Protein backbone atom coordinates (compact mmCIF):
# COMPACT_ATOMS: atom_id res chain seq x y z
CA MET A 1 0.01 0.00 0.00
CA SER A 2 1.27 3.48 -0.84
CA ARG A 3 2.43 5.78 1.90
CA THR A 4 -0.08 8.42 3.01
CA VAL A 5 0.74 11.85 1.54
CA GLU A 6 -0.96 15.11 2.55
CA LEU A 7 -1.20 17.97 0.04
CA LYS A 8 -2.13 21.54 0.98
CA GLY A 9 -3.85 23.90 -1.45
CA THR A 10 -6.49 26.67 -1.45
CA ALA A 11 -10.02 25.98 -0.28
CA ALA A 12 -12.50 26.62 -3.10
CA SER A 13 -15.65 24.77 -1.96
CA ARG A 14 -16.29 23.42 1.54
CA GLY A 15 -17.10 19.79 2.25
CA LEU A 16 -15.57 16.36 2.69
CA ALA A 17 -15.22 13.62 0.12
CA LYS A 18 -13.57 10.20 -0.09
CA GLY A 19 -13.20 8.36 -3.33
CA PRO A 20 -11.00 7.01 -6.13
CA LEU A 21 -8.68 9.43 -7.90
CA VAL A 22 -9.55 9.90 -11.55
CA ALA A 23 -7.45 12.05 -13.84
CA ILE A 24 -9.34 14.79 -15.64
CA ALA A 25 -9.32 14.05 -19.36
CA GLN A 26 -8.04 16.88 -21.48
CA GLY A 27 -9.67 17.68 -24.79
CA ALA A 28 -7.52 17.45 -27.88
CA GLU A 29 -8.06 17.77 -31.58
CA ARG A 30 -7.51 15.03 -34.10
CA HIS A 31 -4.02 14.89 -35.55
CA ARG A 32 -4.54 16.26 -39.03
CA THR A 33 -2.70 18.17 -41.71
CA THR A 34 -3.96 21.12 -43.67
CA GLN A 35 -6.12 20.23 -46.61
CA GLY A 36 -4.50 23.06 -48.54
CA ASP A 37 -7.93 24.49 -49.32
CA PRO A 38 -8.72 27.59 -47.21
CA SER A 39 -12.40 27.52 -48.12
CA ALA A 40 -12.69 23.89 -46.95
CA GLU A 41 -10.81 24.72 -43.76
CA ARG A 42 -13.17 27.63 -43.17
CA ARG A 43 -16.24 25.44 -43.63
CA GLU A 44 -14.79 22.88 -41.16
CA LEU A 45 -14.15 25.56 -38.60
CA GLN A 46 -17.59 27.10 -39.10
CA ASN A 47 -19.22 23.70 -38.63
CA ALA A 48 -17.13 23.00 -35.51
CA VAL A 49 -18.04 26.35 -33.90
CA GLU A 50 -21.72 25.76 -34.67
CA GLN A 51 -21.53 22.21 -33.31
CA ALA A 52 -19.85 23.40 -30.11
CA ALA A 53 -22.54 26.04 -29.61
CA ALA A 54 -25.29 23.53 -30.34
CA ASP A 55 -23.83 21.02 -27.85
CA LEU A 56 -23.71 23.71 -25.20
CA SER A 57 -27.30 24.74 -26.02
CA ARG A 58 -28.51 21.20 -25.55
CA LEU A 59 -26.70 21.03 -22.24
CA VAL A 60 -28.24 24.37 -21.20
CA ASP A 61 -31.73 23.00 -21.85
CA ALA A 62 -31.12 20.24 -19.32
CA LEU A 63 -29.74 22.47 -16.56
CA GLU A 64 -31.18 24.75 -13.93
CA GLU A 65 -30.81 28.47 -14.42
CA ASP A 66 -27.61 29.09 -12.45
CA ALA A 67 -25.63 26.44 -14.31
CA ALA A 68 -27.18 27.36 -17.64
CA ALA A 69 -26.00 30.95 -17.24
CA VAL A 70 -22.37 29.82 -17.12
CA LEU A 71 -22.66 28.00 -20.43
CA GLU A 72 -24.75 30.81 -21.99
CA PHE A 73 -21.68 33.00 -21.50
CA GLN A 74 -19.68 30.53 -23.55
CA ILE A 75 -22.33 30.34 -26.24
CA ALA A 76 -22.29 34.14 -26.50
CA MET A 77 -18.50 34.07 -26.89
CA LEU A 78 -18.78 31.49 -29.70
CA GLN A 79 -21.30 33.71 -31.48
CA ASP A 80 -19.18 36.84 -31.03
CA GLU A 81 -17.53 37.91 -34.33
CA GLU A 82 -14.91 39.79 -32.33
CA LEU A 83 -13.74 36.39 -31.13
CA THR A 84 -14.16 34.30 -34.30
CA GLY A 85 -13.40 36.91 -36.94
CA PRO A 86 -9.58 36.95 -36.62
CA VAL A 87 -9.56 33.13 -36.72
CA PHE A 88 -11.48 32.99 -39.99
CA GLU A 89 -9.16 35.65 -41.44
CA ALA A 90 -6.16 33.51 -40.50
CA VAL A 91 -7.77 30.44 -42.09
CA ALA A 92 -8.53 32.41 -45.25
CA ALA A 93 -4.82 33.31 -45.38
CA GLY A 94 -3.94 29.61 -45.44
CA GLU A 95 -3.47 28.65 -41.78
CA PRO A 96 -4.99 25.28 -40.74
CA ALA A 97 -8.25 25.70 -38.82
CA PRO A 98 -7.14 23.85 -35.63
CA ALA A 99 -3.90 25.86 -35.42
CA ALA A 100 -5.64 29.17 -36.01
CA TRP A 101 -8.35 28.43 -33.46
CA ARG A 102 -5.83 27.26 -30.85
CA LYS A 103 -3.60 30.32 -31.37
CA ARG A 104 -6.51 32.76 -30.97
CA MET A 105 -7.94 31.02 -27.89
CA GLU A 106 -4.58 30.68 -26.18
CA ALA A 107 -3.79 34.34 -26.78
CA MET A 108 -7.04 35.21 -25.03
CA MET A 109 -6.30 32.74 -22.26
CA ALA A 110 -2.92 34.39 -21.74
CA GLU A 111 -4.57 37.80 -21.55
CA TYR A 112 -7.03 36.62 -18.90
CA ALA A 113 -4.34 34.73 -16.99
CA ALA A 114 -2.14 37.85 -16.89
CA SER A 115 -4.80 39.81 -14.99
CA GLU A 116 -3.91 40.61 -11.39
CA ASP A 117 -7.58 40.17 -10.47
CA GLU A 118 -8.40 36.60 -9.47
CA TYR A 119 -11.95 36.97 -10.78
CA PHE A 120 -10.74 37.77 -14.28
CA ARG A 121 -8.00 35.13 -14.13
CA ALA A 122 -10.74 32.65 -13.32
CA ARG A 123 -12.46 33.37 -16.66
CA GLU A 124 -9.53 31.70 -18.38
CA ALA A 125 -11.21 28.34 -17.75
CA ASP A 126 -14.23 29.40 -19.84
CA ILE A 127 -11.99 30.27 -22.79
CA ARG A 128 -10.17 26.96 -22.40
CA ASP A 129 -13.53 25.18 -22.45
CA ILE A 130 -14.43 26.95 -25.71
CA ARG A 131 -11.01 26.11 -27.17
CA ASP A 132 -11.28 22.41 -26.39
CA ARG A 133 -14.92 22.03 -27.50
CA VAL A 134 -14.20 23.43 -30.94
CA LEU A 135 -10.99 21.43 -31.27
CA ARG A 136 -12.85 18.25 -30.33
CA ALA A 137 -15.55 19.11 -32.85
CA LEU A 138 -12.89 19.51 -35.53
CA GLY A 139 -11.62 16.07 -34.69
CA GLY A 140 -14.93 14.23 -34.22
CA GLY A 141 -15.17 14.76 -30.42
CA ASN A 142 -15.80 12.32 -27.63
CA GLY A 143 -17.74 12.53 -24.40
CA ARG A 144 -15.93 12.46 -21.07
CA VAL A 145 -17.41 10.42 -18.26
CA ALA A 146 -15.98 9.76 -14.81
CA ALA A 147 -17.33 7.25 -12.31
CA ALA A 148 -19.81 8.72 -9.84
CA GLY A 149 -18.18 9.45 -6.51
CA ALA A 150 -14.71 9.97 -8.01
CA ILE A 151 -12.33 12.72 -6.98
CA LEU A 152 -11.27 14.37 -10.23
CA VAL A 153 -7.67 15.46 -10.29
CA GLY A 154 -5.76 17.46 -12.87
CA ASP A 155 -4.42 20.83 -13.95
CA ASP A 156 -7.82 22.53 -14.24
CA ILE A 157 -11.41 21.70 -15.13
CA THR A 158 -13.81 23.48 -17.44
CA PRO A 159 -17.39 24.44 -16.52
CA SER A 160 -18.97 22.10 -19.09
CA HIS A 161 -16.87 19.17 -17.83
CA PHE A 162 -18.15 19.90 -14.34
CA LEU A 163 -21.74 20.06 -15.50
CA GLU A 164 -21.41 16.80 -17.49
CA THR A 165 -20.16 15.00 -14.40
CA ASP A 166 -22.55 12.99 -12.18
CA TRP A 167 -22.12 14.34 -8.64
CA SER A 168 -25.14 12.48 -7.16
CA ALA A 169 -22.93 9.90 -5.43
CA GLY A 170 -20.48 12.46 -4.06
CA GLY A 171 -16.98 13.10 -5.28
CA GLY A 172 -14.79 16.16 -5.42
CA ILE A 173 -12.25 18.15 -7.39
CA VAL A 174 -8.49 18.55 -6.84
CA LEU A 175 -6.66 20.99 -9.12
CA ALA A 176 -3.03 21.94 -9.64
CA ARG A 177 -4.09 25.40 -10.79
CA GLY A 178 -7.67 26.64 -10.83
CA SER A 179 -9.18 29.48 -8.81
CA ALA A 180 -11.58 29.88 -5.92
CA ALA A 181 -13.28 32.63 -7.98
CA SER A 182 -13.85 30.53 -11.12
CA HIS A 183 -17.21 29.58 -12.55
CA VAL A 184 -16.45 25.97 -11.64
CA ALA A 185 -15.79 26.93 -8.02
CA MET A 186 -19.07 28.87 -7.95
CA LEU A 187 -20.90 25.85 -9.32
CA ALA A 188 -19.12 23.53 -6.88
CA ARG A 189 -20.19 25.63 -3.91
CA SER A 190 -23.79 25.75 -5.13
CA ARG A 191 -23.84 21.94 -5.40
CA ALA A 192 -21.81 21.24 -2.27
CA VAL A 193 -19.01 19.55 -4.28
CA PRO A 194 -15.74 19.81 -2.26
CA MET A 195 -12.99 21.46 -4.23
CA VAL A 196 -9.32 22.33 -3.55
CA VAL A 197 -7.24 24.39 -6.00
CA GLY A 198 -3.68 25.67 -6.28
CA LEU A 199 -1.90 22.48 -5.30
CA GLY A 200 0.95 22.97 -7.73
CA ASP A 201 2.52 19.96 -9.45
CA ILE A 202 0.44 16.98 -8.34
CA ALA A 203 1.55 14.75 -11.23
CA SER A 204 4.20 13.16 -9.06
CA ALA A 205 1.56 12.15 -6.50
CA LEU A 206 -0.45 10.47 -9.21
CA ALA A 207 2.68 8.76 -10.58
CA ALA A 208 3.16 7.18 -7.16
CA GLU A 209 -0.06 5.20 -7.89
CA HIS A 210 -2.26 6.60 -5.16
CA SER A 211 -5.72 5.25 -5.90
CA LEU A 212 -7.79 6.71 -3.03
CA ALA A 213 -8.03 10.20 -1.56
CA ILE A 214 -9.80 12.07 1.22
CA LEU A 215 -10.57 15.65 0.33
CA ASP A 216 -11.30 18.47 2.82
CA GLY A 217 -12.56 21.41 0.78
CA GLY A 218 -12.85 23.71 3.79
CA ALA A 219 -9.27 23.18 4.97
CA GLY A 220 -7.86 22.96 1.42
CA THR A 221 -6.19 19.61 2.09
CA VAL A 222 -5.98 16.29 0.24
CA LEU A 223 -4.90 12.98 1.81
CA LEU A 224 -3.59 10.48 -0.76
CA SER A 225 -3.72 6.82 0.21
CA PRO A 226 -5.27 7.44 3.64
CA ASP A 227 -4.68 4.72 6.25
CA GLU A 228 -7.37 3.13 8.41
CA THR A 229 -7.05 5.73 11.12
CA HIS A 230 -7.62 8.51 8.58
CA LYS A 231 -10.65 6.70 7.21
CA ARG A 232 -12.20 6.35 10.67
CA GLN A 233 -11.54 10.04 11.39
CA TYR A 234 -13.14 10.90 8.06
CA GLY A 235 -16.30 9.02 9.00
CA LEU A 236 -16.57 10.87 12.32
CA ARG A 237 -15.92 14.25 10.66
CA LEU A 238 -18.46 13.52 7.92
CA ARG A 239 -21.19 12.91 10.50
CA ALA A 240 -20.20 16.06 12.37
CA GLU A 241 -20.19 18.09 9.15
CA ARG A 242 -23.66 16.92 8.25
CA GLN A 243 -24.92 18.09 11.61
CA VAL A 244 -23.27 21.47 11.08
CA ARG A 245 -24.80 21.74 7.58
CA GLN A 246 -28.20 20.93 9.02
CA ARG A 247 -27.87 23.72 11.60
CA GLU A 248 -26.74 26.15 8.88
CA ALA A 249 -29.66 25.14 6.67
CA GLU A 250 -32.04 25.77 9.55
CA SER A 251 -30.48 29.22 10.07
CA LEU A 252 -30.58 30.15 6.37
CA LEU A 253 -34.17 31.35 6.11
CA ALA A 254 -34.46 32.57 9.70
CA PRO A 255 -33.95 36.27 10.58
CA ALA A 256 -30.42 36.94 11.89
CA ARG A 257 -30.63 37.62 15.61
CA THR A 258 -28.16 37.20 18.44
CA ALA A 259 -29.03 34.95 21.40
CA ASP A 260 -30.21 38.05 23.30
CA GLY A 261 -32.42 39.29 20.48
CA VAL A 262 -30.27 41.93 18.66
CA ALA A 263 -31.31 42.05 14.99
CA ILE A 264 -28.48 41.92 12.44
CA ALA A 265 -28.97 42.58 8.75
CA VAL A 266 -27.15 39.96 6.66
CA GLN A 267 -26.96 40.80 2.95
CA VAL A 268 -25.10 39.16 0.04
CA ASN A 269 -22.22 40.08 -2.22
CA ILE A 270 -22.86 39.36 -5.92
CA ALA A 271 -20.42 39.53 -8.83
CA ASP A 272 -22.57 38.13 -11.67
CA VAL A 273 -26.29 38.19 -12.29
CA ALA A 274 -26.12 34.42 -12.91
CA GLU A 275 -25.52 33.95 -9.17
CA LEU A 276 -29.09 35.07 -8.39
CA ALA A 277 -30.51 31.79 -9.64
CA GLN A 278 -28.62 29.91 -6.91
CA LEU A 279 -30.08 32.00 -4.10
CA ASP A 280 -33.46 32.47 -2.45
CA ALA A 281 -34.06 36.18 -1.81
CA ALA A 282 -35.81 35.22 1.44
CA ALA A 283 -32.44 34.04 2.82
CA CYS A 284 -30.96 37.51 2.96
CA ASP A 285 -31.78 41.14 3.77
CA GLY A 286 -30.93 42.37 0.32
CA ILE A 287 -27.74 42.80 -1.67
CA GLY A 288 -24.97 44.66 0.10
CA LEU A 289 -22.53 44.70 -2.82
CA VAL A 290 -22.94 44.22 -6.55
CA ARG A 291 -19.52 44.16 -8.21
CA THR A 292 -19.94 45.62 -11.72
CA GLU A 293 -16.42 44.65 -12.87
CA PHE A 294 -17.62 41.37 -14.44
CA LEU A 295 -20.19 43.22 -16.52
CA PHE A 296 -17.46 45.51 -17.86
CA GLY A 297 -14.89 42.79 -18.41
CA ALA A 298 -17.16 40.07 -19.81
CA GLY A 299 -16.98 41.06 -23.45
CA PRO A 300 -14.75 42.67 -26.02
CA GLU A 301 -16.53 46.05 -25.63
CA LEU A 302 -17.69 48.05 -22.66
CA PRO A 303 -21.41 47.64 -21.93
CA ASP A 304 -23.66 50.45 -23.12
CA GLU A 305 -26.34 52.18 -21.06
CA GLU A 306 -29.14 49.83 -22.02
CA ALA A 307 -27.16 46.68 -21.31
CA GLN A 308 -26.21 47.97 -17.85
CA TYR A 309 -29.78 49.16 -17.09
CA VAL A 310 -31.21 45.70 -17.86
CA VAL A 311 -28.76 44.00 -15.51
CA TYR A 312 -29.16 46.51 -12.67
CA ARG A 313 -32.95 46.29 -12.93
CA ARG A 314 -32.68 42.48 -12.71
CA TYR A 315 -30.95 42.76 -9.32
CA LEU A 316 -33.74 44.99 -8.00
CA GLU A 317 -36.51 42.72 -9.33
CA TRP A 318 -34.84 39.73 -7.68
CA ALA A 319 -34.57 41.52 -4.33
CA GLY A 320 -38.32 42.16 -4.29
CA GLY A 321 -38.27 45.45 -2.39
CA LYS A 322 -35.18 44.78 -0.29
CA PRO A 323 -32.27 47.20 -0.68
CA VAL A 324 -29.71 46.62 -3.42
CA THR A 325 -26.31 48.31 -3.24
CA ILE A 326 -24.47 48.55 -6.54
CA ARG A 327 -20.84 49.66 -6.56
CA THR A 328 -19.74 51.72 -9.53
CA LEU A 329 -16.92 50.31 -11.62
CA ASP A 330 -14.01 49.35 -9.37
CA ALA A 331 -11.43 48.82 -12.11
CA GLY A 332 -7.68 49.24 -11.73
CA GLY A 333 -5.32 47.82 -9.17
CA ASP A 334 -5.90 44.08 -9.25
CA LYS A 335 -8.85 44.46 -11.65
CA PRO A 336 -7.53 45.70 -15.01
CA ILE A 337 -9.86 46.11 -17.98
CA ALA A 338 -8.32 46.29 -21.43
CA GLY A 339 -8.71 49.65 -23.05
CA LEU A 340 -9.89 51.32 -19.84
CA THR A 341 -7.30 50.96 -17.09
CA PRO A 342 -3.81 52.42 -17.57
CA GLN A 343 -0.93 50.12 -18.41
CA GLY A 344 2.47 50.03 -16.76
CA GLU A 345 1.71 51.94 -13.54
CA ALA A 346 4.56 51.60 -11.07
CA ASN A 347 2.11 50.65 -8.30
CA SER A 348 -1.40 50.08 -9.64
CA PHE A 349 -2.86 49.68 -6.14
CA LEU A 350 -1.89 53.30 -5.44
CA GLY A 351 -2.70 54.51 -8.91
CA LEU A 352 -5.69 55.31 -11.10
CA ARG A 353 -8.33 52.89 -9.78
CA GLY A 354 -11.89 52.90 -8.49
CA LEU A 355 -13.53 56.33 -8.37
CA ARG A 356 -10.27 57.95 -9.41
CA LEU A 357 -10.49 56.15 -12.73
CA SER A 358 -14.19 56.87 -13.17
CA LEU A 359 -13.65 60.62 -12.64
CA ALA A 360 -10.80 60.51 -15.13
CA ARG A 361 -13.01 58.74 -17.71
CA PRO A 362 -16.29 60.67 -17.48
CA GLU A 363 -17.51 59.32 -20.83
CA VAL A 364 -17.61 55.84 -19.24
CA PHE A 365 -18.70 56.99 -15.76
CA ARG A 366 -21.67 58.99 -16.99
CA VAL A 367 -23.08 56.01 -18.94
CA GLN A 368 -23.04 53.89 -15.80
CA LEU A 369 -24.63 56.64 -13.71
CA ARG A 370 -27.46 57.05 -16.23
CA ALA A 371 -28.15 53.32 -16.20
CA LEU A 372 -28.20 53.32 -12.38
CA ALA A 373 -30.56 56.31 -12.21
CA ARG A 374 -32.95 54.53 -14.57
CA ALA A 375 -32.77 51.30 -12.61
CA CYS A 376 -33.57 53.18 -9.38
CA ALA A 377 -37.10 53.69 -10.66
CA HIS A 378 -37.67 49.98 -10.05
CA GLY A 379 -36.74 49.63 -6.38
CA PRO A 380 -34.68 50.75 -3.38
CA LEU A 381 -31.33 51.13 -5.05
CA LYS A 382 -28.22 52.37 -3.27
CA VAL A 383 -25.11 53.37 -5.24
CA MET A 384 -21.64 53.44 -3.74
CA PHE A 385 -18.36 54.74 -5.04
CA PRO A 386 -15.13 52.75 -4.48
CA MET A 387 -11.65 53.86 -3.50
CA VAL A 388 -12.74 57.31 -2.24
CA THR A 389 -9.80 59.12 -0.68
CA HIS A 390 -10.69 62.82 -0.48
CA PRO A 391 -14.01 64.59 0.15
CA PHE A 392 -13.77 66.48 -3.15
CA GLU A 393 -13.89 63.16 -5.04
CA MET A 394 -17.19 62.26 -3.40
CA ASP A 395 -18.53 65.78 -4.06
CA GLN A 396 -17.58 65.54 -7.72
CA ALA A 397 -19.16 62.07 -8.06
CA VAL A 398 -22.42 63.22 -6.47
CA ALA A 399 -22.51 66.34 -8.67
CA THR A 400 -21.94 64.23 -11.81
CA PHE A 401 -24.73 61.87 -10.81
CA ASP A 402 -27.14 64.74 -10.25
CA GLU A 403 -26.27 66.21 -13.69
CA GLU A 404 -27.13 62.95 -15.42
CA LEU A 405 -30.27 62.55 -13.34
CA ARG A 406 -31.50 66.02 -14.41
CA ALA A 407 -30.75 65.23 -18.06
CA LEU A 408 -32.83 62.07 -17.83
CA GLN A 409 -35.70 63.89 -16.14
CA GLU A 410 -35.68 66.64 -18.73
CA ALA A 411 -35.82 63.98 -21.45
CA GLY A 412 -38.84 62.37 -19.81
CA VAL A 413 -36.98 59.13 -18.98
CA ALA A 414 -38.21 57.25 -15.91
CA CYS A 415 -35.52 57.52 -13.22
CA ALA A 416 -34.94 58.28 -9.56
CA ARG A 417 -32.13 59.35 -7.20
CA PRO A 418 -30.72 56.54 -5.10
CA ALA A 419 -28.88 56.87 -1.81
CA LEU A 420 -25.29 57.72 -2.68
CA GLY A 421 -22.63 56.27 -0.40
CA MET A 422 -19.01 55.27 -0.45
CA MET A 423 -16.69 52.36 0.21
CA VAL A 424 -14.31 52.98 3.12
CA GLU A 425 -11.17 51.12 2.16
CA VAL A 426 -8.56 53.88 2.23
CA PRO A 427 -7.13 54.80 5.66
CA ALA A 428 -7.55 58.55 4.97
CA ALA A 429 -11.33 58.03 4.70
CA ALA A 430 -11.50 55.60 7.63
CA ILE A 431 -9.65 57.96 9.97
CA ALA A 432 -11.69 61.08 9.11
CA PRO A 433 -15.10 60.03 7.77
CA GLU A 434 -16.78 63.23 8.97
CA GLY A 435 -15.48 65.17 5.98
CA PHE A 436 -17.38 63.11 3.39
CA ARG A 437 -20.87 63.79 2.06
CA ALA A 438 -22.18 60.23 1.98
CA ASP A 439 -25.63 58.75 2.66
CA PHE A 440 -24.07 55.52 3.89
CA LEU A 441 -20.71 53.83 4.35
CA SER A 442 -19.59 50.32 3.49
CA ILE A 443 -16.28 49.09 4.85
CA GLY A 444 -14.22 47.27 2.23
CA SER A 445 -12.12 45.25 4.67
CA ASN A 446 -9.96 43.56 2.05
CA ASP A 447 -8.29 46.73 0.85
CA LEU A 448 -8.54 48.50 4.22
CA VAL A 449 -6.56 45.76 5.94
CA GLN A 450 -4.11 45.72 3.04
CA TYR A 451 -3.45 49.44 3.26
CA VAL A 452 -3.39 49.65 7.05
CA THR A 453 -0.93 46.76 7.43
CA ALA A 454 1.02 47.58 4.22
CA THR A 455 0.67 43.92 3.28
CA ALA A 456 -0.63 42.31 0.09
CA ARG A 457 -3.39 39.74 0.59
CA ASP A 458 -2.53 37.50 -2.36
CA GLY A 459 -0.36 34.81 -0.78
CA THR A 460 2.95 36.65 -0.80
CA THR A 461 5.75 35.98 1.68
CA THR A 462 4.32 38.67 4.01
CA SER A 463 0.77 37.35 4.02
CA HIS A 464 1.12 36.39 7.69
CA LEU A 465 1.12 40.14 8.45
CA TYR A 466 -2.26 40.58 6.77
CA ASP A 467 -4.36 40.58 9.95
CA PRO A 468 -8.00 41.66 9.90
CA ALA A 469 -8.02 41.55 13.70
CA ALA A 470 -5.04 43.86 14.09
CA PRO A 471 -5.74 46.52 16.80
CA ALA A 472 -5.38 49.35 14.28
CA VAL A 473 -8.00 47.78 11.97
CA VAL A 474 -10.43 47.07 14.81
CA ARG A 475 -10.02 50.65 16.06
CA LEU A 476 -10.90 52.03 12.65
CA ILE A 477 -13.99 49.80 12.38
CA GLU A 478 -15.16 50.88 15.83
CA GLY A 479 -14.65 54.53 14.90
CA LEU A 480 -16.65 54.17 11.70
CA ALA A 481 -19.50 52.46 13.58
CA ARG A 482 -19.55 55.32 16.14
CA HIS A 483 -19.56 57.86 13.30
CA GLY A 484 -22.51 56.13 11.68
CA ARG A 485 -24.54 56.16 14.89
CA ALA A 486 -23.73 59.84 15.49
CA ARG A 487 -24.71 60.82 11.94
CA GLY A 488 -27.67 58.47 11.74
CA ILE A 489 -26.32 56.70 8.65
CA GLU A 490 -25.80 52.98 8.02
CA VAL A 491 -22.30 51.59 8.25
CA SER A 492 -21.91 48.04 6.87
CA ILE A 493 -19.00 45.80 5.98
CA CYS A 494 -18.70 43.79 2.75
CA GLY A 495 -15.15 42.43 2.75
CA ASP A 496 -14.16 38.80 3.22
CA ILE A 497 -14.09 38.95 6.99
CA ALA A 498 -17.81 39.70 7.06
CA GLY A 499 -18.44 36.12 5.85
CA ASP A 500 -15.98 34.45 8.20
CA PRO A 501 -17.53 33.34 11.53
CA GLU A 502 -14.13 33.74 13.14
CA TYR A 503 -14.62 37.53 12.97
CA THR A 504 -18.39 37.79 13.57
CA SER A 505 -18.04 38.49 17.30
CA MET A 506 -15.37 41.12 16.64
CA LEU A 507 -17.44 42.92 14.03
CA LEU A 508 -20.62 42.98 16.07
CA GLY A 509 -18.65 43.94 19.17
CA ALA A 510 -17.24 46.88 17.24
CA GLY A 511 -20.78 48.12 16.69
CA LEU A 512 -21.61 46.98 13.19
CA ARG A 513 -25.16 45.72 12.59
CA THR A 514 -25.07 45.10 8.82
CA LEU A 515 -22.90 42.43 7.21
CA SER A 516 -22.70 41.57 3.53
CA VAL A 517 -21.30 38.13 2.74
CA ALA A 518 -20.80 35.66 -0.10
CA PRO A 519 -23.98 33.62 -0.76
CA ALA A 520 -22.26 30.43 0.38
CA ASP A 521 -21.56 32.01 3.78
CA LEU A 522 -25.13 33.10 4.62
CA GLY A 523 -26.09 30.06 6.69
CA ARG A 524 -22.92 29.80 8.72
CA VAL A 525 -22.77 33.53 9.48
CA LYS A 526 -26.39 33.50 10.65
CA ALA A 527 -25.64 30.46 12.81
CA ALA A 528 -22.60 32.30 14.30
CA ILE A 529 -24.75 35.36 15.04
CA ALA A 530 -27.39 33.22 16.79
CA ALA A 531 -24.74 31.86 19.13
CA LEU A 532 -23.58 35.32 20.29
CA THR A 533 -24.77 37.46 23.18
CA LEU A 534 -24.07 41.15 22.80
CA GLY A 535 -25.79 42.43 25.92
CA ARG A 536 -26.80 45.59 24.11
CA GLY A 537 -28.53 46.73 20.94
């Protein structure tokens, strides 16, 4: 029997799984040579693209809405002439269809992979999925089926491969690369499929002929060839986890209250409208953060006013009268957008990002503000501006919004003025919030902790200094909560620590009464709140 080996990666989807290791099959095209006829090559490629889109469409028809939305993004990419046009031009110039398609897709994959923003890096898997589907179609294609209950292991996994896999008997995913922000990770969390990413080179472990693994998605660990003691421990932990999940499920639809009756508003963070299909609006107190970066980075062109309005209105309709807070474009820093954010800044985190960028690009900013003003006619919308450093920035943003609102009103377009607030993620704003004209404040703990501790939060060698519970950070949060009470304005928190039960007592003890968390964290945060006693309102 092989020696037990423990691997440590990044947690992407909580849960435990035990099962046989099965390598993830990688799509590949048929070995072929050019036919020497560009028109024939073009027809082959056109047929392959259409077949790939048709296959995805058939899969969409068999899926629920949340999963279908992931594949609909891929279908839209396949139908986008901005994507396919350069490939057909290369084929017309004599390049073989498979080579041209691969070259174009891999250039796009490299562009996504080079992004400093994990969310955009995670979209690389969608482009890889498109690449492999069309290449398989060019070569005849084959289905990929793994045994139910298997733990799939490999470099990465595409969304369609995940959706074609039978998870009814359990199983999990172990990836050398991957991302906790990928579409696959989102789908894994929604289906309670344990997933660990970022393990590095795991080929050597497979080469050692490990046949069985125990996966802990919450801890980000994988045990290869577990011994009998590990198996018994797994059984005990599995029973305990099921009890915890049951308690979280019972908390999910209940109002969030502490043990002594203090009401806490628990809202959700959303990055993509497709996430709404996974979530019951009754489980939360509204949306505390809509990240609009995905909308701006999802296609080859920036979204126009109508496209944005439709999406923003969808959030409000889903919330059914509960508040929805939409953050204006937070591009720059770790979220570059081609053609919009500057290239080659010495330190992009201290450069033209967030509201700074929006004010510098008013032709883009005003389109978003108009769409938001129109959407506000459909429900209780709140709009917040990111990366606000000085009061004059907030004043300029509010004045710009009011100009666009008046223009819409004069044109007879249905619109309304939302509450206009700001993210507090820069120490200058956190230390002196009284100087800002804001209807509400939302603490962006990820950047605030990063700037206060002068420590990147992306797994660098100084990540151990990135401490959300550092006294300086806690003091700033307490000061912001006091400021909100004194001014009679809401102060919430929407960073990662809001969804981590380890920090729930600290945040409520600091005076916060509104938390905005990832959808997957709703149940466990509510359960953590219910176990606390504050002794005051």
